[in-house]
Amino acid sequence: MAAISNEEINSIQKQANIVDIISSYINLEKKGSNYFGICPFHDDHNPSMSVSEEKGIFTCFVCHKTGNVFNFVQDFENISFIEAVKVVADKIGVSLSEGIHVVSKYDKHYEAMNLAIKFYQNNLRSKDGIEAKKYLQNRALSEEVIDEFEIGLAPNNDALSNLLLNKGFDENVLLDVGLINHGNKIYDIFKNRITFPIHNANGKPVGISARIYKQSDDAKYVNTKETVIFKKGEVLFNYHRAVSEARLKKKLIIVEGQMDAIRVYSCGVKNVVATMGTALTKEHIKLLSKLNVKVVLCMDNDSAGEMATIKNGEKLSEAGIETLVLRISGAKDPDEYLTSHDVSEFIDAVDHAVTFFDFKLNQLKKNKNFDKVDDVSAYVNSILSELSKCKDDILVDLTINKLANDYGIDKNTLMNKVIKVENKPETVTKVEAKKRLKKDEKLYGLICYYMMNDTKYIRLYEQELAYLPNDEYNTLANDLLAFYIKYNYISIADFISYEVESDAYELAIRVIDEFIQNTLSDEEIIDVVNKVKDLANERKIKELKEKLKTTTDINEKLRINDEIVNLKKRMCVK
């Protein structure tokens, strides 16, 4: 397959507005000439990521993540650089050259899963799927919803494994993705079940959730086990469909089962995902943190659902995600609720969801007899314990006042009971401290940074220096010169794409991060160039002095002394 040329990458780069692309992932607000937002690459609570529309780059002033539009997409979606180029091209409606294919390590795995989904869909449409189709229709799932969610039917035989093996798929690939198993013979894992495809955050098919549709003692659901492409703790059902609507509405609804998510989505509420019955993991929380939206927990209406709400709510709150709770009444789950209620009632309930803090306070009231002093004391102490973890001083004060008024307790007594850990460090993702540059490295870095910004500084380097006495920085400077000679212009964003396969790529990113806020005049840049010249001369003088110590020939000593004197005369900074 053909590779994507630097020219094509640069063309996509120029057409892609970095602010528009990054805004599709996080909220940005314009301040001065740049845009700022919550950095998705560390536990950020104050907007520390700056996006420059003019330069086409982003940088975080806390975790020091820096790059162009492709780097952002690459890191956000956890994909390769070339895959990120493809994603950006798709977003701006640009087709890659014919014959170009973005290769992924697991291309065959995704292809096998995709073919399996299509096979199951076709089987549902066949005469073998009549009974399963009736079941879905009885669940009020329309043809459009069945098609959109790629719902299918696994036959009661091994037709899928035979098909895929006949198409040339390696048996190990099919085992790796959890479509087949083998004992005495190879056989299909999913049989006689309705299939619901599971996709990762990027929309790639990674697994299957298969449900019985006839009376049976078998487990209601059989899901793909952990595989090389499916990690249950990293996937939220329907995330890839819900993400754009969630950003638009600044709110994401989380339900338990995929049928709940499908029902809610099919009613027009498209900002919904499902946990598939598991507790939220650290990876789920990271995924949700990147969205920078409110989360509405809508778990099942039973004791297990209450426990799931508390556990998930605690994790979300600790991560700084604004969390709301919706407890549906008159139904066991959102799926059942929407079969007997109008969608407008559900939307209204979502809009009136209570804060997670209020939900916890209501939970603490359960099984309490407020005519008993002990129960009142236990309730108040439980609330004070919750307040001790609260970072919102206004909320603490309002709650203290309400408790004082409701139960006739002195406000100071209540406040004194709130155990505040004044200097409690925030739970943040550790970020590496920025490495301090040595004096000479700072000079070389400045040269390279300004070369990235303007061709006149590339010409200055070529005419006055042509070499930096540091291998790493010299490679970067020469790469910049090569880019200019090849394309006759310079752009930080385009150069980063050009440099991505180079040994100096990481240094280029560090240089941008280090000097992005630097503003030197032309005179100051020339002064930096002169200092670099002096460093080179100082190094040469040092070498000559060492040579002088070991030389016995008088004429050679005189020649070395003359060379040292001449070098000192050439020194720019006296």
Protein backbone atom coordinates (compact mmCIF):
# COMPACT_ATOMS: atom_id res chain seq x y z
CA MET A 1 0.00 0.00 0.00
CA ALA A 2 1.18 3.53 -0.68
CA ALA A 3 2.45 5.69 2.16
CA ILE A 4 1.10 9.14 2.92
CA SER A 5 3.60 11.71 1.65
CA ASN A 6 4.76 14.68 3.70
CA GLU A 7 3.21 16.91 1.05
CA GLU A 8 -0.20 15.29 1.59
CA ILE A 9 0.15 15.44 5.37
CA ASN A 10 1.07 19.13 5.16
CA SER A 11 -1.88 19.78 2.85
CA ILE A 12 -4.31 18.21 5.34
CA GLN A 13 -2.60 20.16 8.13
CA LYS A 14 -3.15 23.47 6.32
CA GLN A 15 -6.83 22.74 5.66
CA ALA A 16 -7.55 21.60 9.21
CA ASN A 17 -8.28 24.43 11.63
CA ILE A 18 -6.69 23.22 14.86
CA VAL A 19 -9.22 25.13 16.99
CA ASP A 20 -12.16 23.50 15.20
CA ILE A 21 -10.67 20.01 15.49
CA ILE A 22 -9.69 20.28 19.17
CA SER A 23 -13.06 21.92 19.94
CA SER A 24 -14.70 18.70 18.75
CA TYR A 25 -12.97 16.97 21.69
CA ILE A 26 -12.84 19.59 24.46
CA ASN A 27 -14.39 22.99 25.16
CA LEU A 28 -12.18 25.93 24.21
CA GLU A 29 -12.55 29.58 25.18
CA LYS A 30 -10.79 32.46 23.43
CA LYS A 31 -8.52 34.60 25.60
CA GLY A 32 -6.47 37.13 23.71
CA SER A 33 -5.11 35.65 20.49
CA ASN A 34 -5.18 32.04 21.75
CA TYR A 35 -7.81 29.55 22.94
CA PHE A 36 -7.72 27.78 26.30
CA GLY A 37 -9.29 24.60 27.63
CA ILE A 38 -9.04 21.86 30.25
CA CYS A 39 -6.07 19.66 29.30
CA PRO A 40 -7.27 16.07 28.68
CA PHE A 41 -3.80 14.62 29.22
CA HIS A 42 -3.56 15.15 32.98
CA ASP A 43 -5.94 15.73 35.91
CA ASP A 44 -6.63 19.37 35.05
CA HIS A 45 -9.19 21.54 36.85
CA ASN A 46 -8.15 24.95 35.55
CA PRO A 47 -7.75 25.51 31.79
CA SER A 48 -4.02 25.01 31.23
CA MET A 49 -3.99 24.02 27.57
CA SER A 50 -3.38 26.79 25.05
CA VAL A 51 -4.24 26.40 21.37
CA SER A 52 -2.71 28.76 18.81
CA GLU A 53 -4.80 29.05 15.66
CA GLU A 54 -2.06 31.11 14.01
CA LYS A 55 0.75 28.62 14.67
CA GLY A 56 -1.41 25.50 14.44
CA ILE A 57 -0.15 24.02 17.70
CA PHE A 58 -1.36 23.30 21.22
CA THR A 59 0.62 23.24 24.44
CA CYS A 60 -0.18 22.50 28.08
CA PHE A 61 1.69 24.64 30.59
CA VAL A 62 1.33 22.01 33.34
CA CYS A 63 2.05 18.58 31.82
CA HIS A 64 4.00 20.10 28.87
CA LYS A 65 2.14 18.12 26.21
CA THR A 66 2.74 19.94 22.92
CA GLY A 67 2.14 19.33 19.24
CA ASN A 68 0.04 19.96 16.17
CA VAL A 69 -3.50 18.87 15.33
CA PHE A 70 -2.37 15.32 14.46
CA ASN A 71 -0.49 14.93 17.75
CA PHE A 72 -3.56 16.00 19.72
CA VAL A 73 -5.83 13.49 17.96
CA GLN A 74 -3.16 10.80 18.22
CA ASP A 75 -2.82 11.18 21.99
CA PHE A 76 -6.52 11.81 22.67
CA GLU A 77 -7.72 8.78 20.73
CA ASN A 78 -4.64 6.66 21.54
CA ILE A 79 -3.93 5.84 17.90
CA SER A 80 -0.89 6.02 15.61
CA PHE A 81 0.24 9.25 13.95
CA ILE A 82 -0.87 8.08 10.51
CA GLU A 83 -4.25 6.97 11.89
CA ALA A 84 -4.58 10.47 13.37
CA VAL A 85 -3.89 11.99 9.93
CA LYS A 86 -6.73 9.83 8.56
CA VAL A 87 -9.09 10.93 11.38
CA VAL A 88 -8.35 14.62 10.75
CA ALA A 89 -8.75 14.14 7.00
CA ASP A 90 -12.16 12.53 7.58
CA LYS A 91 -13.23 15.36 9.89
CA ILE A 92 -12.52 18.01 7.26
CA GLY A 93 -13.88 15.94 4.36
CA VAL A 94 -10.57 15.30 2.60
CA SER A 95 -9.99 11.93 0.92
CA LEU A 96 -6.53 10.42 1.10
CA SER A 97 -4.84 9.52 -2.18
CA GLU A 98 -6.09 6.38 -3.89
CA GLY A 99 -4.24 3.28 -2.72
CA ILE A 100 -3.35 4.70 0.68
CA HIS A 101 -4.37 2.50 3.58
CA VAL A 102 -3.69 3.31 7.21
CA VAL A 103 -2.24 0.12 8.65
CA SER A 104 -3.06 -0.94 12.21
CA LYS A 105 -1.47 -3.80 14.12
CA TYR A 106 -4.92 -5.32 14.57
CA ASP A 107 -6.40 -4.64 11.12
CA LYS A 108 -7.18 -8.32 10.57
CA HIS A 109 -8.82 -8.58 14.00
CA TYR A 110 -11.11 -5.62 13.31
CA GLU A 111 -11.84 -6.96 9.83
CA ALA A 112 -12.83 -10.36 11.23
CA MET A 113 -15.10 -8.74 13.83
CA ASN A 114 -16.66 -6.51 11.19
CA LEU A 115 -17.38 -9.46 8.90
CA ALA A 116 -18.90 -11.38 11.82
CA ILE A 117 -21.25 -8.47 12.54
CA LYS A 118 -22.31 -8.31 8.87
CA PHE A 119 -22.82 -12.09 8.85
CA TYR A 120 -25.05 -11.92 11.94
CA GLN A 121 -27.02 -9.02 10.42
CA ASN A 122 -27.66 -10.97 7.22
CA ASN A 123 -28.74 -14.00 9.23
CA LEU A 124 -31.28 -11.88 11.13
CA ARG A 125 -32.72 -10.72 7.79
CA SER A 126 -33.04 -14.30 6.52
CA LYS A 127 -35.90 -16.73 7.18
CA ASP A 128 -33.86 -18.09 10.10
CA GLY A 129 -34.24 -14.71 11.77
CA ILE A 130 -38.04 -14.44 11.68
CA GLU A 131 -38.51 -15.44 15.33
CA ALA A 132 -35.67 -13.23 16.56
CA LYS A 133 -37.05 -10.32 14.50
CA LYS A 134 -40.45 -10.74 16.17
CA TYR A 135 -38.76 -10.67 19.57
CA LEU A 136 -37.03 -7.38 18.73
CA GLN A 137 -40.25 -5.89 17.36
CA ASN A 138 -42.03 -6.88 20.57
CA ARG A 139 -39.31 -4.94 22.38
CA ALA A 140 -40.37 -1.93 20.25
CA LEU A 141 -37.13 -1.84 18.25
CA SER A 142 -37.75 -0.46 14.76
CA GLU A 143 -35.97 -1.58 11.58
CA GLU A 144 -34.02 1.70 11.64
CA VAL A 145 -32.75 1.06 15.18
CA ILE A 146 -31.90 -2.57 14.38
CA ASP A 147 -29.86 -1.37 11.39
CA GLU A 148 -28.19 1.54 13.19
CA PHE A 149 -27.03 -0.66 16.05
CA GLU A 150 -26.10 -3.47 13.62
CA ILE A 151 -28.14 -5.97 15.62
CA GLY A 152 -27.91 -9.51 14.25
CA LEU A 153 -28.53 -13.17 14.98
CA ALA A 154 -25.91 -15.85 15.59
CA PRO A 155 -27.10 -19.13 13.99
CA ASN A 156 -27.26 -22.37 15.93
CA ASN A 157 -24.26 -23.83 14.08
CA ASP A 158 -20.63 -23.12 13.19
CA ALA A 159 -21.31 -21.27 9.95
CA LEU A 160 -19.36 -18.16 10.98
CA SER A 161 -16.08 -19.95 11.73
CA ASN A 162 -16.38 -21.91 8.47
CA LEU A 163 -17.00 -18.70 6.52
CA LEU A 164 -14.07 -16.78 8.04
CA LEU A 165 -11.62 -19.67 7.72
CA ASN A 166 -12.64 -20.15 4.09
CA LYS A 167 -11.98 -16.44 3.53
CA GLY A 168 -8.40 -17.03 4.63
CA PHE A 169 -8.49 -15.67 8.18
CA ASP A 170 -5.86 -17.13 10.47
CA GLU A 171 -7.38 -19.36 13.15
CA ASN A 172 -5.33 -17.51 15.80
CA VAL A 173 -6.86 -14.17 14.78
CA LEU A 174 -10.37 -15.59 15.24
CA LEU A 175 -9.37 -17.04 18.61
CA ASP A 176 -7.77 -13.72 19.61
CA VAL A 177 -10.98 -11.75 19.00
CA GLY A 178 -13.20 -14.29 20.77
CA LEU A 179 -15.32 -15.39 17.81
CA ILE A 180 -14.35 -19.06 17.90
CA ASN A 181 -13.01 -21.68 20.27
CA HIS A 182 -11.64 -25.15 19.79
CA GLY A 183 -11.73 -28.43 21.62
CA ASN A 184 -11.88 -31.50 19.43
CA LYS A 185 -12.88 -29.13 16.63
CA ILE A 186 -13.28 -25.43 15.90
CA TYR A 187 -16.69 -24.03 16.83
CA ASP A 188 -18.53 -20.68 17.04
CA ILE A 189 -18.74 -19.10 20.49
CA PHE A 190 -22.04 -17.30 19.88
CA LYS A 191 -24.95 -19.55 18.93
CA ASN A 192 -28.70 -18.99 18.65
CA ARG A 193 -28.51 -15.55 20.23
CA ILE A 194 -29.34 -12.00 19.18
CA THR A 195 -26.06 -10.12 18.77
CA PHE A 196 -25.29 -6.54 19.78
CA PRO A 197 -21.91 -5.30 18.47
CA ILE A 198 -19.62 -3.46 20.90
CA HIS A 199 -17.35 -0.70 19.58
CA ASN A 200 -14.39 1.10 21.12
CA ALA A 201 -14.20 4.88 21.56
CA ASN A 202 -13.00 5.25 17.96
CA GLY A 203 -15.97 3.31 16.59
CA LYS A 204 -14.06 0.13 15.73
CA PRO A 205 -15.90 -3.17 16.39
CA VAL A 206 -14.22 -4.98 19.28
CA GLY A 207 -16.76 -7.40 20.73
CA ILE A 208 -20.22 -8.92 20.85
CA SER A 209 -22.92 -8.99 23.51
CA ALA A 210 -25.25 -11.88 22.69
CA ARG A 211 -28.72 -12.30 24.25
CA ILE A 212 -31.11 -15.24 24.37
CA TYR A 213 -34.52 -14.59 22.79
CA LYS A 214 -36.23 -17.88 23.62
CA GLN A 215 -37.11 -19.43 26.97
CA SER A 216 -33.91 -20.99 28.27
CA ASP A 217 -31.99 -21.78 31.44
CA ASP A 218 -28.85 -20.40 29.80
CA ALA A 219 -27.35 -17.09 30.90
CA LYS A 220 -29.34 -14.14 29.53
CA TYR A 221 -26.20 -12.55 28.06
CA VAL A 222 -22.90 -13.96 26.81
CA ASN A 223 -20.28 -11.30 26.11
CA THR A 224 -16.92 -11.37 24.37
CA LYS A 225 -14.24 -12.11 26.94
CA GLU A 226 -11.18 -9.86 27.29
CA THR A 227 -9.21 -9.98 24.03
CA VAL A 228 -6.35 -8.14 22.35
CA ILE A 229 -8.84 -5.56 21.03
CA PHE A 230 -11.54 -5.67 23.73
CA LYS A 231 -10.93 -4.57 27.31
CA LYS A 232 -14.30 -4.29 29.06
CA GLY A 233 -12.89 -1.81 31.56
CA GLU A 234 -11.98 0.58 28.73
CA VAL A 235 -15.21 0.44 26.70
CA LEU A 236 -18.57 2.13 27.22
CA PHE A 237 -21.35 0.82 24.99
CA ASN A 238 -22.49 3.40 22.39
CA TYR A 239 -19.75 5.91 23.33
CA HIS A 240 -18.69 6.46 19.71
CA ARG A 241 -22.25 7.44 18.75
CA ALA A 242 -22.99 9.46 21.88
CA VAL A 243 -19.85 11.58 22.11
CA SER A 244 -20.77 14.38 19.67
CA GLU A 245 -24.27 14.79 21.16
CA ALA A 246 -22.81 14.76 24.68
CA ARG A 247 -20.45 17.60 23.78
CA LEU A 248 -23.32 19.51 22.19
CA LYS A 249 -25.60 19.11 25.22
CA LYS A 250 -22.67 19.25 27.69
CA LYS A 251 -24.18 16.21 29.38
CA LEU A 252 -23.77 12.42 29.15
CA ILE A 253 -26.29 9.91 30.52
CA ILE A 254 -24.89 6.63 31.85
CA VAL A 255 -27.15 3.58 32.10
CA GLU A 256 -26.36 -0.02 33.00
CA GLY A 257 -27.45 -2.26 30.12
CA GLN A 258 -27.05 -1.94 26.38
CA MET A 259 -30.83 -2.40 25.91
CA ASP A 260 -31.32 0.64 28.16
CA ALA A 261 -28.87 2.63 26.01
CA ILE A 262 -30.50 1.48 22.77
CA ARG A 263 -33.99 2.35 24.05
CA VAL A 264 -32.95 5.83 25.25
CA TYR A 265 -31.00 6.50 22.03
CA SER A 266 -33.85 5.30 19.80
CA CYS A 267 -36.20 7.78 21.54
CA GLY A 268 -34.00 10.63 20.33
CA VAL A 269 -31.88 11.08 23.47
CA LYS A 270 -28.56 10.28 21.83
CA ASN A 271 -26.11 11.35 24.55
CA VAL A 272 -26.28 7.99 26.33
CA VAL A 273 -23.80 5.18 27.05
CA ALA A 274 -23.98 1.92 29.00
CA THR A 275 -21.50 0.38 31.44
CA MET A 276 -22.65 -3.12 30.39
CA GLY A 277 -23.20 -3.98 34.03
CA THR A 278 -19.70 -3.20 35.33
CA ALA A 279 -18.54 -0.53 37.74
CA LEU A 280 -16.76 2.44 36.20
CA THR A 281 -13.01 1.84 35.97
CA LYS A 282 -10.07 4.27 35.95
CA GLU A 283 -9.99 3.98 32.16
CA HIS A 284 -13.71 4.81 31.94
CA ILE A 285 -13.13 7.84 34.18
CA LYS A 286 -10.27 9.02 31.94
CA LEU A 287 -12.53 8.69 28.91
CA LEU A 288 -15.29 10.68 30.64
CA SER A 289 -12.86 13.32 31.96
CA LYS A 290 -11.73 14.09 28.42
CA LEU A 291 -15.32 14.92 27.44
CA ASN A 292 -15.50 17.71 30.03
CA VAL A 293 -19.31 17.39 30.40
CA LYS A 294 -21.75 16.70 33.24
CA VAL A 295 -22.53 13.04 33.85
CA VAL A 296 -26.05 11.83 34.73
CA LEU A 297 -26.09 8.42 36.44
CA CYS A 298 -29.29 6.53 35.62
CA MET A 299 -28.77 3.09 37.11
CA ASP A 300 -31.40 0.36 37.54
CA ASN A 301 -34.18 0.99 40.05
CA ASP A 302 -33.13 -1.60 42.65
CA SER A 303 -30.74 -1.89 45.59
CA ALA A 304 -27.89 -2.98 43.30
CA GLY A 305 -28.57 0.10 41.17
CA GLU A 306 -28.39 2.31 44.27
CA MET A 307 -25.04 0.78 45.22
CA ALA A 308 -23.77 1.23 41.66
CA THR A 309 -24.88 4.88 41.76
CA ILE A 310 -22.95 5.50 44.98
CA LYS A 311 -19.78 3.70 43.85
CA ASN A 312 -19.74 5.27 40.40
CA GLY A 313 -20.72 8.69 41.76
CA GLU A 314 -17.83 8.64 44.25
CA LYS A 315 -15.34 7.84 41.49
CA LEU A 316 -16.69 10.53 39.18
CA SER A 317 -16.76 13.16 41.95
CA GLU A 318 -13.20 12.33 43.02
CA ALA A 319 -12.12 12.88 39.41
CA GLY A 320 -13.71 16.34 39.47
CA ILE A 321 -16.55 15.40 37.09
CA GLU A 322 -19.83 17.15 37.89
CA THR A 323 -22.20 14.28 38.66
CA LEU A 324 -26.00 14.20 38.70
CA VAL A 325 -28.31 11.32 39.65
CA LEU A 326 -31.58 10.27 38.05
CA ARG A 327 -33.57 7.59 39.91
CA ILE A 328 -36.45 6.51 37.70
CA SER A 329 -39.70 5.53 39.41
CA GLY A 330 -42.37 3.09 38.33
CA ALA A 331 -40.00 0.92 36.29
CA LYS A 332 -37.01 -1.33 36.90
CA ASP A 333 -34.76 0.36 34.31
CA PRO A 334 -34.79 3.04 31.56
CA ASP A 335 -35.79 0.47 28.92
CA GLU A 336 -38.95 -0.49 30.83
CA TYR A 337 -39.65 3.15 31.76
CA LEU A 338 -39.67 4.29 28.14
CA THR A 339 -42.04 1.53 27.05
CA SER A 340 -44.72 2.97 29.35
CA HIS A 341 -43.80 6.69 29.51
CA ASP A 342 -43.45 9.41 26.92
CA VAL A 343 -39.88 10.40 26.07
CA SER A 344 -40.67 13.99 27.17
CA GLU A 345 -41.13 12.68 30.72
CA PHE A 346 -37.72 11.05 30.59
CA ILE A 347 -36.08 14.21 29.24
CA ASP A 348 -37.77 16.25 31.98
CA ALA A 349 -36.48 13.79 34.59
CA VAL A 350 -32.95 14.12 33.17
CA ASP A 351 -33.21 17.92 33.32
CA HIS A 352 -34.27 17.69 36.98
CA ALA A 353 -31.66 15.15 38.05
CA VAL A 354 -30.31 15.90 41.54
CA THR A 355 -26.67 16.48 42.40
CA PHE A 356 -24.74 13.46 43.61
CA PHE A 357 -24.29 15.22 46.97
CA ASP A 358 -28.06 15.65 47.39
CA PHE A 359 -28.59 12.02 46.39
CA LYS A 360 -26.21 10.90 49.12
CA LEU A 361 -27.98 13.08 51.69
CA ASN A 362 -31.30 11.47 50.75
CA GLN A 363 -29.74 8.02 51.02
CA LEU A 364 -28.53 8.84 54.54
CA LYS A 365 -32.12 9.59 55.59
CA LYS A 366 -33.23 6.05 54.76
CA ASN A 367 -34.25 3.83 57.68
CA LYS A 368 -33.94 6.72 60.15
CA ASN A 369 -36.58 7.57 62.74
CA PHE A 370 -36.21 11.31 63.25
CA ASP A 371 -38.19 11.15 66.48
CA LYS A 372 -35.21 9.31 67.95
CA VAL A 373 -32.25 11.38 69.11
CA ASP A 374 -29.77 8.62 68.21
CA ASP A 375 -31.03 8.46 64.62
CA VAL A 376 -30.88 12.26 64.26
CA SER A 377 -27.34 12.25 65.66
CA ALA A 378 -26.26 9.43 63.33
CA TYR A 379 -27.78 11.22 60.33
CA VAL A 380 -26.17 14.59 61.15
CA ASN A 381 -22.77 13.00 61.82
CA SER A 382 -22.96 11.13 58.50
CA ILE A 383 -23.63 14.39 56.68
CA LEU A 384 -20.75 16.11 58.48
CA SER A 385 -18.49 13.24 57.43
CA GLU A 386 -19.51 13.84 53.79
CA LEU A 387 -18.94 17.58 54.19
CA SER A 388 -15.39 16.96 55.42
CA LYS A 389 -14.60 15.63 51.92
CA CYS A 390 -16.34 18.51 50.15
CA LYS A 391 -14.20 21.14 48.41
CA ASP A 392 -17.10 23.55 47.83
CA ASP A 393 -17.06 25.94 50.82
CA ILE A 394 -20.38 27.52 49.82
CA LEU A 395 -22.08 24.11 49.71
CA VAL A 396 -20.60 23.30 53.13
CA ASP A 397 -21.88 26.58 54.59
CA LEU A 398 -25.38 26.19 53.12
CA THR A 399 -25.65 22.60 54.38
CA ILE A 400 -24.45 23.58 57.86
CA ASN A 401 -27.07 26.38 58.00
CA LYS A 402 -29.83 23.98 56.90
CA LEU A 403 -28.84 21.38 59.51
CA ALA A 404 -28.73 24.06 62.20
CA ASN A 405 -32.22 25.32 61.26
CA ASP A 406 -33.79 21.87 60.76
CA TYR A 407 -32.53 20.27 63.95
CA GLY A 408 -31.88 23.23 66.25
CA ILE A 409 -28.15 22.54 66.54
CA ASP A 410 -25.67 25.36 67.09
CA LYS A 411 -23.94 26.24 63.82
CA ASN A 412 -20.49 26.48 65.46
CA THR A 413 -20.90 23.01 66.94
CA LEU A 414 -21.63 21.62 63.50
CA MET A 415 -18.78 23.52 61.86
CA ASN A 416 -16.30 22.32 64.47
CA LYS A 417 -17.34 18.73 63.75
CA VAL A 418 -16.48 19.05 60.09
CA ILE A 419 -12.98 17.67 59.92
CA LYS A 420 -11.25 19.73 57.30
CA VAL A 421 -7.87 18.61 56.09
CA GLU A 422 -6.64 22.08 55.17
CA ASN A 423 -3.58 21.18 53.15
CA LYS A 424 -4.88 17.99 51.61
CA PRO A 425 -3.18 17.63 48.24
CA GLU A 426 -5.44 17.33 45.22
CA THR A 427 -5.66 13.93 43.60
CA VAL A 428 -3.84 14.66 40.39
CA THR A 429 -2.07 12.65 37.79
CA LYS A 430 1.65 13.03 38.41
CA VAL A 431 3.30 15.07 35.74
CA GLU A 432 7.02 15.15 35.22
CA ALA A 433 8.77 18.34 36.26
CA LYS A 434 10.16 20.20 33.30
CA LYS A 435 13.86 19.40 32.93
CA ARG A 436 16.00 22.50 33.36
CA LEU A 437 18.11 23.28 30.34
CA LYS A 438 21.81 24.01 30.68
CA LYS A 439 22.97 27.44 29.53
CA ASP A 440 24.31 26.15 26.22
CA GLU A 441 21.20 24.00 25.58
CA LYS A 442 19.01 27.04 26.12
CA LEU A 443 20.93 28.91 23.41
CA TYR A 444 20.70 26.00 20.95
CA GLY A 445 17.00 25.60 21.77
CA LEU A 446 16.31 29.27 21.09
CA ILE A 447 18.06 29.04 17.73
CA CYS A 448 15.97 25.99 16.75
CA TYR A 449 12.70 27.48 18.03
CA TYR A 450 13.09 30.67 16.01
CA MET A 451 14.15 28.66 12.97
CA MET A 452 10.77 26.88 13.27
CA ASN A 453 8.96 30.23 13.23
CA ASP A 454 10.52 32.23 10.40
CA THR A 455 12.62 31.46 7.34
CA LYS A 456 14.84 34.49 8.01
CA TYR A 457 16.21 32.72 11.08
CA ILE A 458 16.90 29.60 9.02
CA ARG A 459 18.92 31.76 6.62
CA LEU A 460 20.66 33.39 9.60
CA TYR A 461 21.63 29.94 10.92
CA GLU A 462 22.85 28.84 7.48
CA GLN A 463 24.98 31.96 6.95
CA GLU A 464 26.33 32.55 10.46
CA LEU A 465 26.51 29.11 12.10
CA ALA A 466 25.66 26.08 9.91
CA TYR A 467 26.52 23.92 12.92
CA LEU A 468 25.57 23.63 16.61
CA PRO A 469 28.17 22.06 18.94
CA ASN A 470 25.62 19.58 20.34
CA ASP A 471 24.71 16.50 18.29
CA GLU A 472 21.02 16.44 19.28
CA TYR A 473 20.36 20.13 18.60
CA ASN A 474 22.55 20.07 15.49
CA THR A 475 20.39 17.26 14.03
CA LEU A 476 17.24 19.28 14.74
CA ALA A 477 18.69 22.45 13.18
CA ASN A 478 19.79 20.55 10.08
CA ASP A 479 16.34 18.93 9.80
CA LEU A 480 14.81 22.42 9.87
CA LEU A 481 17.24 23.55 7.17
CA ALA A 482 16.39 20.46 5.07
CA PHE A 483 12.64 21.16 5.43
CA TYR A 484 13.17 24.75 4.25
CA ILE A 485 15.33 23.72 1.29
CA LYS A 486 12.73 21.12 0.24
CA TYR A 487 9.53 23.17 0.69
CA ASN A 488 10.79 26.79 0.63
CA TYR A 489 8.75 27.78 3.71
CA ILE A 490 8.56 26.93 7.42
CA SER A 491 5.65 26.21 9.77
CA ILE A 492 5.87 24.75 13.26
CA ALA A 493 2.78 22.58 12.74
CA ASP A 494 3.95 21.22 9.37
CA PHE A 495 7.50 20.67 10.59
CA ILE A 496 6.24 18.53 13.51
CA SER A 497 4.47 16.26 11.01
CA TYR A 498 7.62 16.15 8.83
CA GLU A 499 9.79 15.33 11.85
CA VAL A 500 7.55 12.62 13.37
CA GLU A 501 9.78 9.72 12.22
CA SER A 502 13.03 11.55 13.03
CA ASP A 503 15.26 10.92 16.04
CA ALA A 504 14.96 14.64 16.81
CA TYR A 505 11.13 14.58 17.04
CA GLU A 506 10.99 14.50 20.86
CA LEU A 507 13.52 17.33 21.04
CA ALA A 508 11.42 19.41 18.62
CA ILE A 509 8.40 18.99 20.91
CA ARG A 510 10.48 19.91 23.99
CA VAL A 511 11.86 23.00 22.28
CA ILE A 512 8.37 24.22 21.35
CA ASP A 513 7.14 23.65 24.90
CA GLU A 514 10.17 25.42 26.41
CA PHE A 515 10.16 28.53 24.24
CA ILE A 516 6.57 28.97 23.01
CA GLN A 517 6.06 32.02 25.24
CA ASN A 518 9.41 33.51 24.27
CA THR A 519 9.47 36.79 22.33
CA LEU A 520 12.92 38.00 21.29
CA SER A 521 13.73 40.88 18.97
CA ASP A 522 15.96 40.40 15.91
CA GLU A 523 18.83 42.05 17.81
CA GLU A 524 18.39 39.61 20.70
CA ILE A 525 18.38 36.65 18.29
CA ILE A 526 21.63 37.89 16.74
CA ASP A 527 23.04 38.14 20.27
CA VAL A 528 22.07 34.47 20.83
CA VAL A 529 23.83 33.52 17.57
CA ASN A 530 26.97 35.36 18.72
CA LYS A 531 26.88 33.57 22.07
CA VAL A 532 26.67 30.23 20.24
CA LYS A 533 29.70 31.27 18.15
CA ASP A 534 31.54 32.10 21.37
CA LEU A 535 30.68 28.71 22.86
CA ALA A 536 32.17 27.03 19.79
CA ASN A 537 35.30 29.18 20.08
CA GLU A 538 35.59 28.49 23.82
CA ARG A 539 35.40 24.78 23.15
CA LYS A 540 38.10 25.04 20.47
CA ILE A 541 40.33 27.15 22.78
CA LYS A 542 39.96 24.54 25.52
CA GLU A 543 41.00 21.78 23.10
CA LEU A 544 44.02 23.81 21.93
CA LYS A 545 45.14 24.48 25.53
CA GLU A 546 45.05 20.75 26.26
CA LYS A 547 47.08 20.12 23.11
CA LEU A 548 49.55 22.82 24.18
CA LYS A 549 50.27 20.92 27.40
CA THR A 550 51.41 17.82 25.53
CA THR A 551 53.30 19.49 22.67
CA THR A 552 57.13 19.71 22.95
CA ASP A 553 57.84 21.24 19.55
CA ILE A 554 58.52 25.01 19.92
CA ASN A 555 57.16 25.93 16.49
CA GLU A 556 53.97 23.94 17.13
CA LYS A 557 53.54 25.71 20.50
CA LEU A 558 53.87 29.11 18.79
CA ARG A 559 51.32 28.10 16.13
CA ILE A 560 48.82 26.91 18.77
CA ASN A 561 49.29 30.13 20.79
CA ASP A 562 48.63 32.22 17.67
CA GLU A 563 45.46 30.22 16.96
CA ILE A 564 44.25 30.75 20.55
CA VAL A 565 44.87 34.50 20.30
CA ASN A 566 42.99 34.70 16.98
CA LEU A 567 40.04 32.77 18.41
CA LYS A 568 39.89 35.11 21.41
CA LYS A 569 39.89 38.10 19.07
CA ARG A 570 36.89 36.56 17.28
CA MET A 571 34.90 36.29 20.50
CA CYS A 572 31.71 38.31 20.13
CA VAL A 573 30.95 38.83 23.84
CA LYS A 574 33.90 40.24 25.73
